Amino acid sequence: MEVLADILQPYKELVGNIAAIVTIGQMFSGTFMCWDIYKQGNTSGIPSTPFLGGLVMGIINLKYGYILRDDTMIQVNLFGLALNIIYVLVYFTYTQEKVKTWAQMGITGAISAALLGYAEMEDPKLVEHRLGIIITAFMFLLIASPLFGLNEIIKNKSTEGLPFPMILSGSVVTFMWLLYGIILRNQFLVIQNVVALVLCSIQLSLFVIYPSKPKGQENAKRKAKKID
């Protein structure tokens, strides 16, 4: 890693800027899912987890930015938080399971409040490191969440419902932050993004193995086209 860090050192500013740009770009990946929701008129087959998880990540990353007094981190996460609020509102507008979604939003709010409360009560000397670990663990959980339905994916032989734009953009973002972590010689950042990149790669491989729609639906579409 030391050798690679030395090679990449002259490109530190460039890699950092690219990492920031693709991170902001990733925040817009939710618009593709919102467009799918709008086109089909409901949220069938589309989970709320990416939006609600993104909301929690935006809140605690914003708090982390204030702890670090990093203006760039604060601005990026303010923007991301605003976007995720819009995504959640779109999801809630089109979902037919409003009571369930209300409950999920309540849990999201409770988790966010608990983490913010912890950050306020924790020893200022320890909060930076410990909140960073919590954010990392939550990020891994959020990235891995689509794999919780792996049995259904294998059973149906379909990746329908997996947020491809978010997974693909997440892979690019984690790769860039991995390079930046290597340049900074920050083992915490390197390990964090290596694990995240592996999780994203596993999910991307599912799109290679299985189609985005069940075979039955694809055959029905083909027959409909032939009839037309």
Protein backbone atom coordinates (compact mmCIF):
# COMPACT_ATOMS: atom_id res chain seq x y z
CA MET A 1 0.00 0.00 0.00
CA GLU A 2 2.89 2.32 0.78
CA VAL A 3 4.26 1.98 -2.78
CA LEU A 4 0.85 2.69 -4.31
CA ALA A 5 0.41 5.66 -1.96
CA ASP A 6 3.71 7.13 -3.15
CA ILE A 7 2.71 6.66 -6.81
CA LEU A 8 -0.69 8.31 -6.29
CA GLN A 9 0.53 11.12 -4.00
CA PRO A 10 0.97 13.71 -6.82
CA TYR A 11 -2.68 13.14 -7.77
CA LYS A 12 -4.06 13.64 -4.27
CA GLU A 13 -6.04 16.79 -5.09
CA LEU A 14 -7.38 15.35 -8.36
CA VAL A 15 -8.51 12.08 -6.74
CA GLY A 16 -10.10 13.99 -3.84
CA ASN A 17 -12.02 16.26 -6.22
CA ILE A 18 -13.21 13.32 -8.33
CA ALA A 19 -14.29 11.46 -5.18
CA ALA A 20 -16.33 14.48 -4.07
CA ILE A 21 -17.93 14.88 -7.53
CA VAL A 22 -18.93 11.21 -7.88
CA THR A 23 -20.29 11.26 -4.33
CA ILE A 24 -22.60 14.12 -5.26
CA GLY A 25 -23.46 12.29 -8.48
CA GLN A 26 -24.37 9.17 -6.48
CA MET A 27 -26.87 11.19 -4.50
CA PHE A 28 -28.83 11.70 -7.74
CA SER A 29 -29.04 7.93 -8.38
CA GLY A 30 -32.26 7.88 -6.38
CA THR A 31 -33.93 9.92 -9.14
CA PHE A 32 -33.84 6.83 -11.40
CA MET A 33 -35.77 4.84 -8.82
CA CYS A 34 -38.21 7.71 -8.34
CA TRP A 35 -38.72 7.82 -12.11
CA ASP A 36 -39.51 4.09 -12.12
CA ILE A 37 -42.01 4.68 -9.31
CA TYR A 38 -43.62 7.51 -11.26
CA LYS A 39 -43.86 5.46 -14.48
CA GLN A 40 -45.52 2.46 -12.84
CA GLY A 41 -47.67 4.61 -10.56
CA ASN A 42 -46.75 2.72 -7.38
CA THR A 43 -43.79 1.40 -5.39
CA SER A 44 -44.36 -2.29 -6.14
CA GLY A 45 -41.04 -4.16 -6.22
CA ILE A 46 -39.13 -1.08 -5.00
CA PRO A 47 -38.02 -1.09 -1.34
CA SER A 48 -37.97 2.01 0.85
CA THR A 49 -34.66 0.96 2.46
CA PRO A 50 -32.32 2.90 0.09
CA PHE A 51 -34.25 6.15 0.68
CA LEU A 52 -34.74 5.82 4.44
CA GLY A 53 -31.21 4.50 4.91
CA GLY A 54 -29.88 7.40 2.87
CA LEU A 55 -31.82 9.76 5.13
CA VAL A 56 -30.15 8.38 8.27
CA MET A 57 -26.72 8.44 6.59
CA GLY A 58 -27.26 12.05 5.53
CA ILE A 59 -28.17 13.10 9.08
CA ILE A 60 -25.31 11.37 10.89
CA ASN A 61 -22.73 12.28 8.22
CA LEU A 62 -23.84 15.90 8.52
CA LYS A 63 -23.32 15.70 12.29
CA TYR A 64 -19.93 14.09 11.69
CA GLY A 65 -19.03 16.94 9.36
CA TYR A 66 -19.82 19.46 12.11
CA ILE A 67 -17.70 17.47 14.58
CA LEU A 68 -14.77 17.50 12.12
CA ARG A 69 -15.52 21.14 11.21
CA ASP A 70 -15.20 20.16 7.57
CA ASP A 71 -17.11 22.67 5.42
CA THR A 72 -17.02 20.47 2.30
CA MET A 73 -18.45 17.50 4.18
CA ILE A 74 -21.16 19.70 5.69
CA GLN A 75 -22.19 21.15 2.33
CA VAL A 76 -22.20 17.79 0.54
CA ASN A 77 -24.30 16.13 3.24
CA LEU A 78 -26.74 19.03 3.51
CA PHE A 79 -27.34 18.63 -0.21
CA GLY A 80 -27.64 14.85 0.11
CA LEU A 81 -30.03 15.14 3.05
CA ALA A 82 -32.30 17.49 1.09
CA LEU A 83 -32.34 15.06 -1.87
CA ASN A 84 -33.19 12.08 0.33
CA ILE A 85 -36.07 13.98 1.94
CA ILE A 86 -37.47 14.53 -1.57
CA TYR A 87 -36.99 10.82 -2.41
CA VAL A 88 -38.84 9.75 0.74
CA LEU A 89 -41.70 12.14 -0.03
CA VAL A 90 -41.98 10.74 -3.57
CA TYR A 91 -41.96 7.19 -2.23
CA PHE A 92 -44.63 7.98 0.37
CA THR A 93 -46.81 9.70 -2.24
CA TYR A 94 -46.93 6.61 -4.49
CA THR A 95 -46.83 3.77 -1.97
CA GLN A 96 -50.00 1.80 -1.30
CA GLU A 97 -48.70 0.75 2.09
CA LYS A 98 -48.76 4.12 3.82
CA VAL A 99 -49.19 2.76 7.36
CA LYS A 100 -46.17 0.48 6.95
CA THR A 101 -44.15 3.32 5.41
CA TRP A 102 -45.17 5.67 8.27
CA ALA A 103 -43.88 3.05 10.72
CA GLN A 104 -40.61 2.73 8.80
CA MET A 105 -40.23 6.51 8.77
CA GLY A 106 -40.85 6.56 12.52
CA ILE A 107 -38.11 3.97 13.08
CA THR A 108 -35.79 6.00 10.84
CA GLY A 109 -36.46 9.13 12.89
CA ALA A 110 -35.89 7.25 16.17
CA ILE A 111 -32.55 5.82 14.97
CA SER A 112 -31.41 9.26 13.77
CA ALA A 113 -32.43 10.90 17.05
CA ALA A 114 -30.64 8.21 19.08
CA LEU A 115 -27.41 8.64 17.09
CA LEU A 116 -27.54 12.43 17.34
CA GLY A 117 -28.20 12.16 21.08
CA TYR A 118 -25.24 9.82 21.48
CA ALA A 119 -22.98 12.24 19.56
CA GLU A 120 -24.01 15.05 21.92
CA MET A 121 -23.45 13.03 25.13
CA GLU A 122 -20.25 11.23 24.16
CA ASP A 123 -16.84 12.47 25.35
CA PRO A 124 -15.63 15.03 22.73
CA LYS A 125 -12.25 13.26 22.71
CA LEU A 126 -13.85 9.94 21.74
CA VAL A 127 -16.87 10.92 19.68
CA GLU A 128 -14.99 11.47 16.40
CA HIS A 129 -13.56 7.93 16.34
CA ARG A 130 -16.61 6.14 17.78
CA LEU A 131 -19.18 7.94 15.62
CA GLY A 132 -16.97 7.14 12.63
CA ILE A 133 -17.17 3.43 13.52
CA ILE A 134 -20.97 3.67 13.88
CA ILE A 135 -21.27 5.40 10.49
CA THR A 136 -19.08 2.70 8.91
CA ALA A 137 -21.17 -0.12 10.41
CA PHE A 138 -24.41 1.53 9.30
CA MET A 139 -22.99 2.10 5.81
CA PHE A 140 -22.08 -1.60 5.53
CA LEU A 141 -25.59 -2.55 6.65
CA LEU A 142 -27.16 -0.21 4.10
CA ILE A 143 -24.94 -1.41 1.24
CA ALA A 144 -25.53 -5.07 2.13
CA SER A 145 -29.30 -4.68 2.64
CA PRO A 146 -30.23 -5.76 -0.92
CA LEU A 147 -28.48 -9.07 -0.22
CA PHE A 148 -30.96 -9.82 2.57
CA GLY A 149 -33.38 -10.86 -0.17
CA LEU A 150 -30.81 -13.12 -1.85
CA ASN A 151 -33.04 -16.20 -1.41
CA GLU A 152 -35.85 -14.49 -3.34
CA ILE A 153 -33.44 -13.38 -6.08
CA ILE A 154 -32.17 -16.93 -6.54
CA LYS A 155 -35.67 -18.39 -6.29
CA ASN A 156 -37.15 -16.01 -8.87
CA LYS A 157 -33.93 -15.86 -10.89
CA SER A 158 -34.45 -12.11 -11.17
CA THR A 159 -32.77 -8.96 -9.82
CA GLU A 160 -36.03 -7.01 -9.98
CA GLY A 161 -36.20 -4.69 -6.99
CA LEU A 162 -32.43 -4.27 -6.65
CA PRO A 163 -31.48 -0.57 -7.02
CA PHE A 164 -29.00 -0.94 -9.90
CA PRO A 165 -28.23 2.83 -10.27
CA MET A 166 -27.41 3.10 -6.57
CA ILE A 167 -25.29 -0.07 -6.57
CA LEU A 168 -23.34 0.93 -9.69
CA SER A 169 -22.74 4.50 -8.53
CA GLY A 170 -21.88 3.20 -5.05
CA SER A 171 -19.18 1.00 -6.60
CA VAL A 172 -17.61 4.00 -8.36
CA VAL A 173 -17.78 6.14 -5.22
CA THR A 174 -16.23 3.51 -2.93
CA PHE A 175 -13.44 2.88 -5.46
CA MET A 176 -12.53 6.58 -5.58
CA TRP A 177 -12.59 6.92 -1.78
CA LEU A 178 -10.48 3.76 -1.56
CA LEU A 179 -7.84 5.43 -3.75
CA TYR A 180 -8.07 8.59 -1.63
CA GLY A 181 -7.69 6.55 1.56
CA ILE A 182 -4.56 4.90 0.13
CA ILE A 183 -3.12 8.32 -0.73
CA LEU A 184 -3.83 9.54 2.82
CA ARG A 185 -2.42 6.27 4.23
CA ASN A 186 -5.60 6.06 6.29
CA GLN A 187 -6.16 2.38 7.11
CA PHE A 188 -9.63 3.08 8.52
CA LEU A 189 -10.75 4.65 5.24
CA VAL A 190 -9.08 1.90 3.17
CA ILE A 191 -10.67 -0.99 5.10
CA GLN A 192 -14.05 0.75 5.06
CA ASN A 193 -14.07 1.14 1.30
CA VAL A 194 -12.54 -2.26 0.51
CA VAL A 195 -15.43 -3.95 2.34
CA ALA A 196 -17.97 -1.63 0.70
CA LEU A 197 -16.48 -2.30 -2.76
CA VAL A 198 -16.64 -6.08 -2.21
CA LEU A 199 -20.31 -5.83 -1.19
CA CYS A 200 -21.12 -3.69 -4.24
CA SER A 201 -19.23 -6.10 -6.53
CA ILE A 202 -21.22 -9.08 -5.22
CA GLN A 203 -24.46 -7.25 -5.96
CA LEU A 204 -23.31 -6.17 -9.43
CA SER A 205 -22.45 -9.81 -10.21
CA LEU A 206 -26.11 -10.71 -9.57
CA PHE A 207 -27.13 -8.47 -12.50
CA VAL A 208 -24.77 -10.44 -14.73
CA ILE A 209 -26.21 -13.78 -13.57
CA TYR A 210 -29.92 -12.86 -13.43
CA PRO A 211 -32.13 -10.56 -15.58
CA SER A 212 -33.83 -7.49 -14.10
CA LYS A 213 -37.27 -9.00 -14.80
CA PRO A 214 -38.56 -12.53 -14.12
CA LYS A 215 -38.53 -14.75 -17.20
CA GLY A 216 -42.31 -15.00 -17.16
CA GLN A 217 -42.66 -11.23 -17.51
CA GLU A 218 -40.03 -11.07 -20.25
CA ASN A 219 -41.80 -13.81 -22.25
CA ALA A 220 -45.14 -12.05 -21.81
CA LYS A 221 -43.65 -8.82 -23.15
CA ARG A 222 -42.20 -10.61 -26.17
CA LYS A 223 -45.56 -12.22 -26.97
CA ALA A 224 -47.30 -8.87 -26.63
CA LYS A 225 -44.84 -7.31 -29.09
CA LYS A 226 -45.43 -10.13 -31.58
CA ILE A 227 -49.19 -9.65 -31.34
CA ASP A 228 -48.79 -5.88 -31.93
